[in-house]
Protein backbone atom coordinates (compact mmCIF):
# COMPACT_ATOMS: atom_id res chain seq x y z
CA MET A 1 0.10 -0.06 0.05
CA THR A 2 2.56 2.38 1.09
CA LYS A 3 4.56 1.69 -2.37
CA ALA A 4 1.41 2.42 -4.41
CA ARG A 5 1.23 5.76 -2.68
CA ARG A 6 4.78 6.54 -3.34
CA LYS A 7 4.11 5.81 -6.99
CA LEU A 8 1.07 8.08 -7.50
CA ARG A 9 3.07 10.73 -5.80
CA GLY A 10 5.86 10.44 -8.01
CA LEU A 11 3.56 10.24 -11.25
CA SER A 12 1.96 13.50 -9.88
CA LEU A 13 5.12 15.40 -9.51
CA LEU A 14 6.03 14.28 -13.06
CA ASN A 15 2.63 15.66 -14.51
CA LEU A 16 3.25 18.99 -13.01
CA ALA A 17 6.67 19.27 -14.36
CA LEU A 18 5.33 18.50 -17.77
CA VAL A 19 2.60 21.11 -17.37
CA ALA A 20 5.02 23.64 -16.37
CA VAL A 21 7.36 23.12 -19.39
CA VAL A 22 4.37 23.14 -21.79
CA LEU A 23 3.20 26.60 -20.18
CA ALA A 24 6.56 27.87 -20.70
CA ILE A 25 6.84 27.16 -24.27
CA ALA A 26 3.35 28.56 -24.98
CA THR A 27 4.37 31.56 -23.18
CA THR A 28 7.64 32.28 -25.20
CA ALA A 29 5.57 31.42 -28.60
CA TYR A 30 2.92 34.22 -27.50
CA LEU A 31 5.58 36.81 -26.55
CA LEU A 32 7.50 35.81 -29.95
CA PHE A 33 4.80 35.83 -32.39
CA PHE A 34 1.61 37.44 -30.82
CA ARG A 35 3.02 40.59 -29.33
CA PRO A 36 1.41 43.82 -30.62
CA GLU A 37 2.25 44.93 -33.96
CA SER A 38 3.37 48.26 -32.88
CA GLU A 39 5.92 46.98 -30.38
CA ALA A 40 7.24 44.63 -32.99
CA ALA A 41 7.43 47.59 -35.55
CA GLY A 42 9.22 49.64 -33.06
CA THR A 43 11.81 47.20 -32.65
CA THR A 44 12.37 45.87 -36.22
CA ARG A 45 11.99 49.54 -38.04
CA PRO A 46 14.90 52.28 -37.45
CA THR A 47 13.51 55.93 -37.98
CA VAL A 48 15.47 58.54 -39.72
CA THR A 49 15.07 62.41 -39.56
CA VAL A 50 14.15 64.11 -42.77
CA ALA A 51 17.08 66.53 -43.50
CA ARG A 52 18.21 69.10 -46.00
CA GLY A 53 21.02 68.68 -48.51
CA GLU A 54 22.11 67.84 -52.14
CA VAL A 55 20.72 64.78 -53.77
CA THR A 56 21.91 63.62 -56.95
CA ALA A 57 20.70 60.53 -59.60
CA GLY A 58 22.85 59.10 -62.10
CA VAL A 59 23.14 56.07 -64.39
CA SER A 60 25.99 53.52 -64.63
CA SER A 61 27.82 51.41 -66.91
CA SER A 62 31.07 49.69 -67.63
CA GLY A 63 33.30 50.22 -70.43
CA THR A 64 37.40 49.89 -71.18
CA LEU A 65 40.06 52.37 -71.05
CA GLN A 66 41.02 53.61 -74.55
CA SER A 67 43.55 55.70 -76.32
CA ALA A 68 41.93 59.12 -77.48
CA GLN A 69 44.56 59.05 -80.34
CA THR A 70 45.45 56.06 -82.40
CA ALA A 71 46.57 54.99 -86.00
CA SER A 72 47.89 52.32 -87.93
CA PRO A 73 49.99 53.65 -90.73
CA GLN A 74 50.65 51.79 -93.75
CA PHE A 75 53.16 51.97 -96.87
CA ALA A 76 51.50 53.90 -99.45
CA THR A 77 53.78 52.38 -102.21
CA SER A 78 54.27 48.84 -102.46
CA GLY A 79 57.85 47.10 -102.09
CA THR A 80 60.12 44.67 -99.94
CA VAL A 81 60.65 45.60 -96.48
CA THR A 82 64.36 46.55 -96.07
CA ALA A 83 64.37 47.91 -92.30
CA VAL A 84 62.06 48.03 -89.37
CA LEU A 85 63.28 51.18 -87.26
CA VAL A 86 61.05 50.59 -84.01
CA LYS A 87 60.04 47.95 -81.54
CA VAL A 88 57.03 47.35 -79.23
CA GLY A 89 56.82 49.97 -76.29
CA GLN A 90 59.00 52.60 -77.92
CA VAL A 91 57.75 56.12 -77.64
CA VAL A 92 57.91 58.10 -81.18
CA ALA A 93 57.34 61.63 -82.45
CA LYS A 94 55.18 62.60 -85.23
CA GLY A 95 57.25 62.17 -88.28
CA ALA A 96 59.62 59.89 -86.88
CA SER A 97 60.84 57.17 -89.26
CA ILE A 98 59.30 53.71 -88.65
CA ALA A 99 60.32 51.31 -91.65
CA LYS A 100 61.76 51.69 -95.02
CA ILE A 101 60.95 49.38 -98.31
CA ASP A 102 63.25 48.85 -101.45
CA PRO A 103 63.18 52.43 -103.23
CA ALA A 104 64.89 51.04 -106.58
CA ALA A 105 61.51 51.24 -108.48
CA ALA A 106 60.20 54.09 -107.13
CA GLN A 107 63.56 55.99 -108.15
CA ARG A 108 63.39 54.80 -111.42
CA GLU A 109 60.11 56.18 -111.94
CA VAL A 110 61.39 59.45 -110.84
CA ARG A 111 64.00 59.21 -113.74
CA ILE A 112 61.39 58.56 -116.29
CA ALA A 113 59.33 61.51 -115.11
CA GLU A 114 62.03 63.87 -115.07
CA GLN A 115 62.59 62.92 -118.67
CA ASN A 116 59.23 63.60 -119.81
CA GLN A 117 59.15 66.75 -117.80
CA ILE A 118 62.16 67.90 -120.02
CA ALA A 119 60.45 66.92 -123.16
CA ALA A 120 57.29 68.74 -122.28
CA ALA A 121 59.14 72.03 -121.26
CA ASN A 122 60.92 71.85 -124.95
CA SER A 123 57.60 71.23 -126.46
CA VAL A 124 56.23 74.68 -124.42
CA THR A 125 59.29 76.44 -125.56
CA ALA A 126 58.76 75.46 -129.40
CA ALA A 127 55.06 76.28 -129.37
CA GLU A 128 55.82 79.68 -127.98
CA ASP A 129 58.25 80.29 -130.84
CA THR A 130 55.90 79.08 -133.42
CA LEU A 131 53.22 81.21 -132.15
CA ASP A 132 55.53 84.56 -131.97
CA ASP A 133 56.37 83.72 -135.63
CA ALA A 134 52.51 83.42 -136.68
CA GLU A 135 51.54 86.71 -134.85
CA THR A 136 54.61 88.56 -136.20
CA ALA A 137 53.67 87.45 -139.97
CA ALA A 138 49.84 88.55 -139.12
CA GLU A 139 50.89 91.71 -138.03
CA GLU A 140 53.05 92.33 -141.50
CA ALA A 141 50.46 91.35 -143.42
CA GLU A 142 47.99 93.68 -141.76
CA ALA A 143 50.23 96.56 -142.23
CA ALA A 144 51.18 95.93 -145.91
CA GLU A 145 47.39 96.09 -146.78
CA ALA A 146 47.35 99.35 -145.41
CA GLU A 147 50.25 100.85 -147.31
CA PRO A 148 50.72 101.90 -150.88
CA THR A 149 52.68 99.01 -152.64
CA PRO A 150 56.68 99.76 -152.31
CA THR A 151 59.10 98.76 -155.06
CA PRO A 152 60.33 95.39 -154.64
CA THR A 153 63.74 95.26 -153.24
CA PRO A 154 65.94 92.73 -155.37
CA GLY A 155 65.76 89.31 -153.65
CA GLN A 156 63.04 90.08 -150.92
CA PRO A 157 59.46 88.57 -151.67
CA THR A 158 56.80 91.18 -152.24
CA GLN A 159 53.55 91.52 -150.59
CA THR A 160 51.85 89.90 -153.46
CA GLN A 161 54.31 86.93 -153.18
CA THR A 162 53.71 86.86 -149.40
CA GLN A 163 49.90 86.47 -149.91
CA THR A 164 50.33 84.06 -152.68
CA GLN A 165 52.62 81.88 -150.27
CA THR A 166 49.75 82.03 -147.68
CA GLN A 167 46.89 81.27 -150.11
CA ASN A 168 48.99 78.10 -151.29
CA GLN A 169 48.88 77.18 -147.71
CA GLY A 170 45.33 77.51 -147.66
CA GLN A 171 45.18 79.44 -144.46
CA SER A 172 44.89 83.04 -143.69
CA PRO A 173 47.49 84.59 -141.04
CA GLU A 174 44.60 84.89 -138.48
CA VAL A 175 43.73 81.12 -138.82
CA VAL A 176 47.72 80.27 -138.54
CA VAL A 177 48.03 82.40 -135.29
CA THR A 178 44.68 80.39 -133.63
CA ASN A 179 46.22 77.32 -134.45
CA ALA A 180 49.52 78.06 -133.04
CA LYS A 181 47.77 79.14 -129.86
CA ALA A 182 45.99 76.00 -129.55
CA SER A 183 49.28 73.90 -130.18
CA LEU A 184 50.74 76.06 -127.10
CA ALA A 185 47.87 75.47 -124.80
CA ARG A 186 48.12 71.56 -125.60
CA SER A 187 51.90 71.88 -124.98
CA LYS A 188 51.37 73.49 -121.48
CA ALA A 189 48.75 70.95 -120.52
CA ASP A 190 51.43 68.41 -121.19
CA LYS A 191 53.88 70.18 -119.07
CA GLU A 192 51.56 70.37 -116.27
CA GLN A 193 50.93 66.83 -116.33
CA ALA A 194 54.62 65.91 -116.64
CA ASP A 195 54.90 68.15 -113.60
CA GLN A 196 52.23 66.32 -111.53
CA ASN A 197 53.64 62.89 -112.48
CA LEU A 198 57.05 63.91 -111.19
CA GLU A 199 55.89 65.10 -108.05
CA ALA A 200 53.86 61.63 -107.54
CA ALA A 201 57.06 59.56 -108.42
CA GLN A 202 59.16 61.75 -105.88
CA ALA A 203 56.33 61.43 -103.26
CA ALA A 204 56.33 57.64 -103.94
CA VAL A 205 60.12 57.74 -103.27
CA ALA A 206 59.63 59.54 -100.16
CA ALA A 207 56.63 56.86 -99.19
CA THR A 208 59.44 54.38 -98.99
CA THR A 209 60.12 55.60 -95.59
CA LEU A 210 56.97 55.14 -93.54
CA THR A 211 56.55 57.69 -90.81
CA ALA A 212 54.58 58.26 -87.80
CA PRO A 213 51.52 60.21 -88.41
CA ILE A 214 50.86 60.85 -84.63
CA GLY A 215 53.02 60.94 -81.48
CA GLY A 216 52.68 58.24 -79.09
CA THR A 217 53.76 54.56 -78.25
CA ILE A 218 54.31 51.43 -80.37
CA THR A 219 51.58 48.95 -79.52
CA ALA A 220 52.23 46.43 -82.21
CA VAL A 221 54.57 45.94 -85.15
CA ASN A 222 52.72 43.95 -87.96
CA GLY A 223 55.41 43.68 -90.35
CA SER A 224 59.09 42.45 -90.76
CA VAL A 225 62.19 42.58 -93.01
CA GLY A 226 61.86 40.87 -96.08
CA SER A 227 57.85 41.00 -96.52
CA VAL A 228 56.01 42.88 -98.85
CA ALA A 229 53.97 45.90 -97.73
CA GLY A 230 52.05 48.74 -98.73
CA GLY A 231 49.98 49.58 -101.49
CA SER A 232 46.71 49.57 -99.46
CA SER A 233 44.53 52.52 -98.32
CA GLY A 234 42.51 52.71 -95.63
CA THR A 235 40.95 54.90 -92.65
CA THR A 236 42.29 56.74 -89.76
CA GLY A 237 42.11 55.43 -86.09
CA THR A 238 40.28 57.04 -83.47
CA GLY A 239 41.07 60.60 -82.53
CA GLN A 240 43.56 62.90 -84.44
CA GLY A 241 45.61 60.06 -85.81
CA SER A 242 44.61 61.00 -89.60
CA GLY A 243 46.50 63.14 -91.90
CA ASN A 244 49.83 62.42 -93.91
CA THR A 245 53.26 64.06 -92.57
CA ALA A 246 55.06 66.40 -94.65
CA GLY A 247 57.07 64.80 -97.78
CA SER A 248 55.09 61.84 -97.17
CA THR A 249 51.93 59.78 -98.63
CA THR A 250 51.71 57.59 -95.55
CA THR A 251 48.13 56.04 -95.06
CA THR A 252 46.69 55.12 -91.93
CA THR A 253 44.20 52.20 -91.87
CA ALA A 254 41.96 50.82 -89.00
CA ALA A 255 43.67 49.45 -85.85
CA GLY A 256 45.53 46.25 -86.60
CA ASP A 257 45.53 46.74 -90.31
CA GLY A 258 48.60 48.71 -90.57
CA PHE A 259 52.59 47.85 -90.70
CA VAL A 260 52.43 49.24 -86.94
CA ASP A 261 49.71 50.22 -84.51
CA ILE A 262 50.17 53.46 -82.53
CA ALA A 263 48.40 54.84 -79.37
CA ASP A 264 48.69 57.77 -77.07
CA LEU A 265 48.83 56.64 -73.70
CA LYS A 266 49.04 60.01 -72.25
CA THR A 267 45.38 60.95 -73.52
CA LEU A 268 43.43 57.69 -72.27
CA GLN A 269 39.31 57.91 -72.41
CA VAL A 270 36.58 55.87 -71.24
CA VAL A 271 34.34 54.42 -73.74
CA ALA A 272 31.08 52.56 -72.50
CA ALA A 273 27.53 51.45 -73.83
CA PHE A 274 24.37 52.50 -71.99
CA PRO A 275 21.03 50.92 -72.63
CA GLU A 276 18.58 53.09 -74.68
CA ALA A 277 16.41 53.84 -71.50
CA ASP A 278 19.51 55.11 -69.85
CA ALA A 279 21.04 56.94 -73.11
CA ILE A 280 18.26 59.32 -73.24
CA LYS A 281 19.37 60.96 -70.11
CA ILE A 282 22.79 61.52 -70.63
CA LYS A 283 24.36 64.22 -72.84
CA ALA A 284 27.87 65.92 -73.69
CA LYS A 285 29.62 67.84 -70.90
CA GLN A 286 27.54 65.98 -68.00
CA ALA A 287 30.04 65.37 -64.97
CA ALA A 288 30.75 61.53 -64.45
CA THR A 289 32.80 59.38 -62.03
CA VAL A 290 35.01 56.54 -62.82
CA THR A 291 36.66 53.66 -61.01
CA LEU A 292 38.78 50.98 -62.41
CA ASN A 293 38.68 47.54 -61.70
CA ALA A 294 42.32 47.24 -61.18
CA ASP A 295 42.20 50.02 -58.75
CA PRO A 296 38.79 50.18 -56.90
CA GLY A 297 39.80 52.24 -54.19
CA SER A 298 40.63 55.32 -56.34
CA THR A 299 37.72 57.36 -58.07
CA LEU A 300 38.46 59.38 -61.15
CA THR A 301 36.54 62.66 -62.37
CA ALA A 302 35.57 62.84 -65.97
CA THR A 303 33.34 64.42 -68.58
CA LEU A 304 31.01 63.09 -71.22
CA THR A 305 32.54 64.12 -74.33
CA SER A 306 30.08 62.49 -76.73
CA VAL A 307 27.24 59.91 -77.37
CA SER A 308 27.03 58.02 -80.41
CA PRO A 309 24.10 59.13 -82.51
CA THR A 310 23.64 55.36 -83.96
CA PRO A 311 22.90 52.49 -81.88
CA THR A 312 24.60 48.84 -81.43
CA THR A 313 22.23 46.02 -81.16
CA THR A 314 23.81 42.96 -79.31
CA ASN A 315 21.28 39.94 -78.81
CA GLY A 316 18.30 42.27 -79.19
CA VAL A 317 19.46 44.80 -76.53
CA VAL A 318 20.12 48.29 -77.93
CA SER A 319 22.57 50.24 -76.39
CA TYR A 320 24.51 53.63 -77.39
CA SER A 321 28.07 54.05 -76.92
CA ALA A 322 29.29 57.00 -74.94
CA THR A 323 32.87 58.48 -74.64
CA PHE A 324 34.44 60.16 -71.40
CA THR A 325 37.49 62.16 -71.02
CA LEU A 326 39.23 61.66 -67.69
CA ALA A 327 40.50 64.89 -65.90
CA LYS A 328 43.79 62.70 -65.07
CA VAL A 329 45.11 59.54 -66.11
CA PRO A 330 46.79 57.49 -63.18
CA ALA A 331 50.18 56.19 -63.86
CA SER A 332 49.06 52.82 -63.30
CA ALA A 333 46.26 52.89 -65.98
CA ARG A 334 46.45 50.79 -69.05
CA ILE A 335 44.71 50.22 -72.41
CA GLY A 336 42.00 47.84 -72.11
CA GLN A 337 41.22 47.92 -68.14
CA THR A 338 37.50 47.71 -67.27
CA ALA A 339 36.14 50.99 -66.11
CA ASN A 340 32.93 51.44 -64.22
CA VAL A 341 31.44 55.06 -65.05
CA THR A 342 28.57 56.74 -63.45
CA VAL A 343 26.85 59.83 -65.20
CA GLN A 344 25.14 62.55 -63.17
CA THR A 345 21.76 62.90 -64.54
CA ALA A 346 20.05 65.29 -62.05
CA LYS A 347 20.69 67.33 -59.08
CA ALA A 348 18.92 69.24 -56.23
CA THR A 349 20.78 71.27 -53.90
CA ASN A 350 19.27 72.66 -50.51
CA ALA A 351 16.42 70.08 -51.08
CA LEU A 352 14.62 67.58 -48.28
CA TYR A 353 15.50 64.11 -48.47
CA VAL A 354 14.82 60.74 -47.27
CA PRO A 355 16.29 57.21 -47.82
CA THR A 356 14.48 55.76 -50.78
CA THR A 357 13.83 52.71 -48.75
CA ALA A 358 11.38 54.79 -46.53
CA ILE A 359 9.22 55.40 -49.87
CA VAL A 360 6.44 53.08 -50.65
CA THR A 361 5.22 53.41 -54.51
CA SER A 362 2.12 52.48 -56.02
CA GLY A 363 1.80 53.67 -59.51
CA THR A 364 2.24 57.45 -59.12
CA THR A 365 1.40 57.82 -55.59
CA HIS A 366 4.36 57.89 -52.77
CA THR A 367 3.72 57.41 -49.02
CA VAL A 368 6.09 57.18 -46.21
CA THR A 369 5.22 55.89 -42.48
CA MET A 370 5.68 58.57 -39.62
CA ALA A 371 7.69 57.17 -36.83
CA ASN A 372 6.03 56.75 -33.33
CA GLY A 373 2.41 55.62 -34.84
CA GLY A 374 1.97 58.76 -36.83
CA GLY A 375 0.57 56.56 -39.42
CA SER A 376 1.38 56.90 -43.42
CA ARG A 377 1.60 60.06 -45.21
CA GLU A 378 1.86 60.89 -48.97
CA VAL A 379 4.56 63.10 -50.32
CA GLN A 380 5.59 64.22 -53.60
CA VAL A 381 9.46 63.35 -54.85
CA GLY A 382 12.06 65.15 -57.01
CA VAL A 383 15.27 63.79 -57.98
CA GLN A 384 15.28 60.04 -57.34
CA GLY A 385 18.79 58.58 -56.68
CA GLY A 386 19.34 54.74 -56.14
CA SER A 387 19.55 55.44 -52.36
CA PHE A 388 17.81 58.73 -51.53
CA THR A 389 15.01 60.83 -52.83
CA GLN A 390 14.37 64.25 -52.80
CA ILE A 391 10.97 65.28 -51.01
CA THR A 392 9.22 68.36 -52.65
CA SER A 393 5.97 68.25 -50.43
CA GLY A 394 4.37 66.29 -47.58
CA LEU A 395 7.52 66.40 -45.26
CA VAL A 396 9.24 69.05 -43.37
CA GLU A 397 12.56 69.25 -42.04
CA GLY A 398 13.12 67.37 -38.69
CA ASP A 399 10.27 64.68 -39.36
CA GLN A 400 10.85 61.28 -38.19
CA ILE A 401 9.66 58.45 -40.41
CA GLU A 402 10.26 54.89 -40.53
CA LEU A 403 12.55 52.75 -42.88
CA LEU A 404 11.04 49.92 -44.62
CA GLN A 405 12.76 46.60 -44.01
CA GLY A 406 16.36 46.25 -45.59
CA ALA A 407 19.43 48.62 -45.22
CA ILE A 408 19.89 52.16 -46.22
CA GLY A 409 21.32 52.18 -49.74
CA ALA A 410 20.06 48.77 -50.59
CA ALA A 411 18.95 48.41 -54.28
CA THR A 412 15.42 49.61 -54.91
CA GLY A 413 14.81 48.14 -58.63
CA GLN A 414 16.21 51.17 -60.30
CA SER A 415 19.06 49.01 -62.19
CA GLY A 416 21.91 51.25 -63.01
CA ARG A 417 21.13 54.19 -60.91
CA THR A 418 23.28 55.12 -57.65
CA GLY A 419 23.09 57.50 -55.18
CA GLN A 420 25.07 58.56 -51.85
CA PHE A 421 23.41 59.34 -48.44
CA PRO A 422 23.90 63.13 -48.10
CA ALA A 423 25.41 64.26 -44.77
CA GLN A 424 23.44 65.61 -42.36
CA PRO A 425 23.92 68.80 -40.46
CA GLY A 426 26.39 68.74 -38.12
CA GLY A 427 28.27 65.87 -39.88
CA GLY A 428 25.74 63.02 -38.88
CA GLN A 429 24.54 60.59 -41.13
CA PHE A 430 21.60 58.06 -41.33
CA PRO A 431 22.29 54.93 -39.60
CA GLY A 432 23.72 52.31 -42.33
CA ALA A 433 24.56 55.29 -44.70
CA GLY A 434 25.61 53.73 -48.00
CA THR A 435 28.22 54.89 -50.42
CA GLY A 436 26.71 54.75 -53.96
CA GLY A 437 28.56 56.55 -56.93
CA GLY A 438 26.58 60.18 -56.36
CA ALA A 439 28.54 62.81 -54.53
CA ASN A 440 25.67 64.33 -52.12
CA ARG A 441 26.38 66.60 -49.31
CA GLY A 442 24.52 68.59 -46.87
CA ARG A 443 24.14 72.23 -47.04
């Protein structure tokens, strides 16, 4: 009997312990999942103060560093390469000799052109003499007709005899002069052509030495001694790499098609493609910032130089190429490096602003949640950066609002747009302020 009572007492204590554990679990669950919504919101949503400062918006893309001035010169006359005077990495000045081809054939053409020029000059001299004689004879004939017939001098032809000779030739003095003038004009035209031929032959000799159309660094040598080069024409590379040097008919071709490739490494630029939705927001002279993947810690300033008027379509995506000029080129910069560029497309100064994550957008309606249970309030927005947005009405400086779930500066669906948290008066910033591409400072 005693054992049975002890057994019942032990079971009762166990049951009580189990009931206590269940109650503790239920209480904890209630506190975690069924506590008042205002309390949960107060502990999970931070609040920020509406402040005043500068807000910027921008669009971003990536591209590559390229030289603003390149050229690929090629021999304008064909021949066998006899000397290569440069090597990759060498810096050359504009007009410097790069390579030479055998000049024998071109020199032979010069000698032929010189002989043709001499013959053409002799023809002009003979035609001028003929014209002088014809004009003199015509003047004498006209004078003889106006004077009485003189007594003929023994051994000299009379006027009648002169007229007879002219009639026998079937031409009047005027016709003879006209024909002499035409012959002289033809001779002068032949002389002019002979002069041009000689100039071309001399230029061909000069072109047997290839010269640099721009100053820069040799980035590639595409020919070698013993190879046949030249005789092809082409277009220049980018920038100011066009034009012939004095005394040479050197042509330049697209990069990679010339005898050598030259690039000015002191004037680098960034070329990046922007999707059509962003391309309509950018224009020349807008400010931009650039970071290089090789040196992400440095931010470079740049200016948008130009936007291509024609698009490029890749896999159905339309984009427009934009060129940016760097204010200063780092010593470590190299052609072909990947560059990330952000263009400032809008700016508001002395503006009220809030983190973009504090705004709820439904269609064209924008609302924020006031702190301390103040409910929601509709606001009007201005410049919209990727992280921060200008408030044009609905809030005043100093209002407290709640942030939505998510870190300040997190992406808000605005692909390609960037922003930075403006500094608050006194140097403070909102908690968790991001460091996007825009430069936004408090005022």
